[in-house]
Amino acid sequence: MPRPSARLGGVALLLVIGGALGAYFATSGGGKRRPVAWQNVTAEVPPAVWARPTISVIRNQAKLEKLFVVATYGRHPRAPRIDFGHREALLITTGPRSSSGYALRVERVTERGGSIVVLVRERTPLLGEHVVPRLTYPLLLITLPRSSKHIDVKYAGRS
């Protein structure tokens, strides 16, 4: 029969391992993936010249307005109003593209463990597709329920 101190040591070891596994699954994306309700508010953004590719999580109106000034050239678009008391925003821009055939779209938004993963796809024009040759600046502005979770943006293959 094991001594009581050995049993306590074994229990303590199991608790440590269980806690480490729980922390791993909570922060590494382990566990079940659940969809997250999101809203596309891109249509509320006037056309603008976005200087470079950008991925930014925005948690207040002041940061959104500042981003719309520092990340655009020429005429700065007016930032849409977002209820930051309940929502947070995610802005994704590609920088300049050579034709009207480019666009960004959300494939899915899921929550897993301690992260929210936003899967984005950039649509690129096919050879022979009728597009207008001009500089365009694809962007995507979505809102998500306010959360303290890390937001991770991943790009799917181009289509």
Protein backbone atom coordinates (compact mmCIF):
# COMPACT_ATOMS: atom_id res chain seq x y z
CA MET A 1 0.00 0.00 0.00
CA PRO A 2 1.47 3.40 -0.99
CA ARG A 3 2.33 5.82 1.76
CA PRO A 4 -0.01 8.85 2.16
CA SER A 5 2.76 11.25 1.10
CA ALA A 6 3.25 9.29 -2.13
CA ARG A 7 -0.49 9.41 -2.84
CA LEU A 8 -0.55 13.17 -2.21
CA GLY A 9 2.43 13.62 -4.50
CA GLY A 10 0.67 11.64 -7.22
CA VAL A 11 -2.52 13.69 -6.84
CA ALA A 12 -0.51 16.93 -6.95
CA LEU A 13 1.26 15.75 -10.11
CA LEU A 14 -2.07 14.93 -11.76
CA LEU A 15 -3.42 18.37 -10.82
CA VAL A 16 -0.37 20.07 -12.31
CA ILE A 17 -0.61 18.06 -15.54
CA GLY A 18 -4.38 18.65 -15.73
CA GLY A 19 -3.90 22.41 -15.23
CA ALA A 20 -1.18 22.53 -17.88
CA LEU A 21 -3.37 20.66 -20.37
CA GLY A 22 -6.29 22.97 -19.61
CA ALA A 23 -4.12 26.05 -20.16
CA TYR A 24 -2.78 24.53 -23.39
CA PHE A 25 -6.25 23.90 -24.80
CA ALA A 26 -7.51 27.31 -23.70
CA THR A 27 -4.67 29.19 -25.43
CA SER A 28 -3.59 26.94 -28.28
CA GLY A 29 -6.87 26.60 -30.09
CA GLY A 30 -7.53 23.12 -28.77
CA GLY A 31 -11.12 22.16 -28.16
CA LYS A 32 -14.26 22.58 -30.19
CA ARG A 33 -14.50 25.33 -32.82
CA ARG A 34 -17.66 27.46 -32.58
CA PRO A 35 -18.89 30.02 -35.13
CA VAL A 36 -18.82 33.69 -34.12
CA ALA A 37 -21.51 36.12 -35.29
CA TRP A 38 -19.90 38.94 -37.25
CA GLN A 39 -21.16 41.84 -39.34
CA ASN A 40 -19.70 43.24 -42.54
CA VAL A 41 -19.70 47.05 -42.43
CA THR A 42 -17.39 47.55 -45.43
CA ALA A 43 -20.20 49.20 -47.42
CA GLU A 44 -20.19 52.05 -44.88
CA VAL A 45 -16.60 52.99 -45.81
CA PRO A 46 -16.26 55.54 -48.63
CA PRO A 47 -13.66 54.81 -51.34
CA ALA A 48 -10.13 55.70 -50.29
CA VAL A 49 -6.49 55.13 -51.14
CA TRP A 50 -5.17 52.76 -48.47
CA ALA A 51 -1.40 53.15 -48.26
CA ARG A 52 -0.35 49.58 -47.48
CA PRO A 53 -1.62 46.20 -46.37
CA THR A 54 -3.12 46.49 -42.90
CA ILE A 55 -4.61 44.15 -40.35
CA SER A 56 -5.83 45.98 -37.26
CA VAL A 57 -8.11 45.10 -34.36
CA ILE A 58 -9.91 48.25 -33.22
CA ARG A 59 -11.57 48.51 -29.83
CA ASN A 60 -12.57 52.20 -29.73
CA GLN A 61 -13.85 54.93 -32.04
CA ALA A 62 -10.78 57.16 -31.55
CA LYS A 63 -8.43 54.46 -32.85
CA LEU A 64 -10.72 53.79 -35.81
CA GLU A 65 -10.79 57.47 -36.75
CA LYS A 66 -7.01 57.81 -36.34
CA LEU A 67 -6.43 54.73 -38.51
CA PHE A 68 -8.61 56.19 -41.26
CA VAL A 69 -6.35 59.28 -41.26
CA VAL A 70 -2.88 57.73 -40.95
CA ALA A 71 -3.43 54.71 -43.23
CA THR A 72 -4.93 56.57 -46.21
CA TYR A 73 -3.54 59.06 -48.75
CA GLY A 74 -5.24 62.17 -50.07
CA ARG A 75 -8.85 62.51 -49.04
CA HIS A 76 -9.42 60.60 -45.84
CA PRO A 77 -12.68 58.67 -45.59
CA ARG A 78 -14.97 59.25 -42.65
CA ALA A 79 -14.89 56.30 -40.25
CA PRO A 80 -18.26 54.64 -39.70
CA ARG A 81 -19.81 54.77 -36.23
CA ILE A 82 -19.49 51.47 -34.38
CA ASP A 83 -20.98 50.56 -31.01
CA PHE A 84 -17.67 49.84 -29.31
CA GLY A 85 -19.46 49.25 -26.02
CA HIS A 86 -20.66 45.93 -27.44
CA ARG A 87 -18.52 45.33 -30.52
CA GLU A 88 -14.96 45.55 -31.79
CA ALA A 89 -13.81 46.04 -35.35
CA LEU A 90 -11.31 44.33 -37.61
CA LEU A 91 -9.89 46.24 -40.58
CA ILE A 92 -8.06 44.37 -43.34
CA THR A 93 -6.65 46.10 -46.41
CA THR A 94 -4.46 44.70 -49.18
CA GLY A 95 -2.85 47.89 -50.41
CA PRO A 96 -3.01 48.77 -54.11
CA ARG A 97 -4.16 46.26 -56.73
CA SER A 98 -4.03 46.67 -60.51
CA SER A 99 -7.68 46.13 -61.46
CA SER A 100 -11.28 45.99 -60.36
CA GLY A 101 -11.11 42.19 -60.16
CA TYR A 102 -9.74 42.04 -56.61
CA ALA A 103 -11.82 41.74 -53.45
CA LEU A 104 -11.66 40.47 -49.87
CA ARG A 105 -14.27 38.26 -48.25
CA VAL A 106 -14.66 36.45 -44.96
CA GLU A 107 -14.79 32.68 -45.30
CA ARG A 108 -15.60 32.08 -41.64
CA VAL A 109 -15.11 33.41 -38.12
CA THR A 110 -14.70 30.85 -35.35
CA GLU A 111 -13.83 30.80 -31.69
CA ARG A 112 -11.59 28.10 -30.34
CA GLY A 113 -10.03 28.13 -26.91
CA GLY A 114 -8.58 31.59 -26.22
CA SER A 115 -8.69 32.82 -29.82
CA ILE A 116 -11.06 34.05 -32.48
CA VAL A 117 -9.89 33.03 -35.95
CA VAL A 118 -11.00 35.06 -38.97
CA LEU A 119 -10.39 33.25 -42.25
CA VAL A 120 -10.18 35.71 -45.15
CA ARG A 121 -9.88 35.03 -48.88
CA GLU A 122 -8.59 37.47 -51.47
CA ARG A 123 -10.36 37.09 -54.77
CA THR A 124 -8.05 37.62 -57.74
CA PRO A 125 -9.21 37.98 -61.35
CA LEU A 126 -8.90 35.04 -63.70
CA LEU A 127 -7.02 35.31 -67.00
CA GLY A 128 -9.43 36.54 -69.63
CA GLU A 129 -11.90 37.83 -67.04
CA HIS A 130 -13.37 41.23 -67.93
CA VAL A 131 -12.02 43.70 -65.37
CA VAL A 132 -11.28 47.41 -65.43
CA PRO A 133 -7.54 48.12 -65.34
CA ARG A 134 -7.12 50.75 -62.61
CA LEU A 135 -5.72 50.99 -59.14
CA THR A 136 -8.09 49.63 -56.52
CA TYR A 137 -7.69 49.29 -52.78
CA PRO A 138 -9.63 46.28 -51.48
CA LEU A 139 -10.61 46.42 -47.86
CA LEU A 140 -12.76 44.60 -45.39
CA LEU A 141 -14.21 46.10 -42.21
CA ILE A 142 -16.12 43.74 -39.97
CA THR A 143 -17.37 43.91 -36.41
CA LEU A 144 -17.38 41.13 -33.84
CA PRO A 145 -18.90 40.83 -30.38
CA ARG A 146 -16.61 42.51 -27.84
CA SER A 147 -14.22 39.98 -26.33
CA SER A 148 -10.90 39.80 -24.53
CA LYS A 149 -9.84 36.92 -26.79
CA HIS A 150 -6.96 37.21 -29.22
CA ILE A 151 -8.07 37.76 -32.82
CA ASP A 152 -6.03 35.85 -35.40
CA VAL A 153 -6.43 36.57 -39.12
CA LYS A 154 -5.53 33.83 -41.55
CA TYR A 155 -5.60 33.99 -45.34
CA ALA A 156 -7.12 31.15 -47.33
CA GLY A 157 -5.71 30.40 -50.77
CA ARG A 158 -6.57 32.89 -53.46
CA SER A 159 -9.51 32.29 -55.76
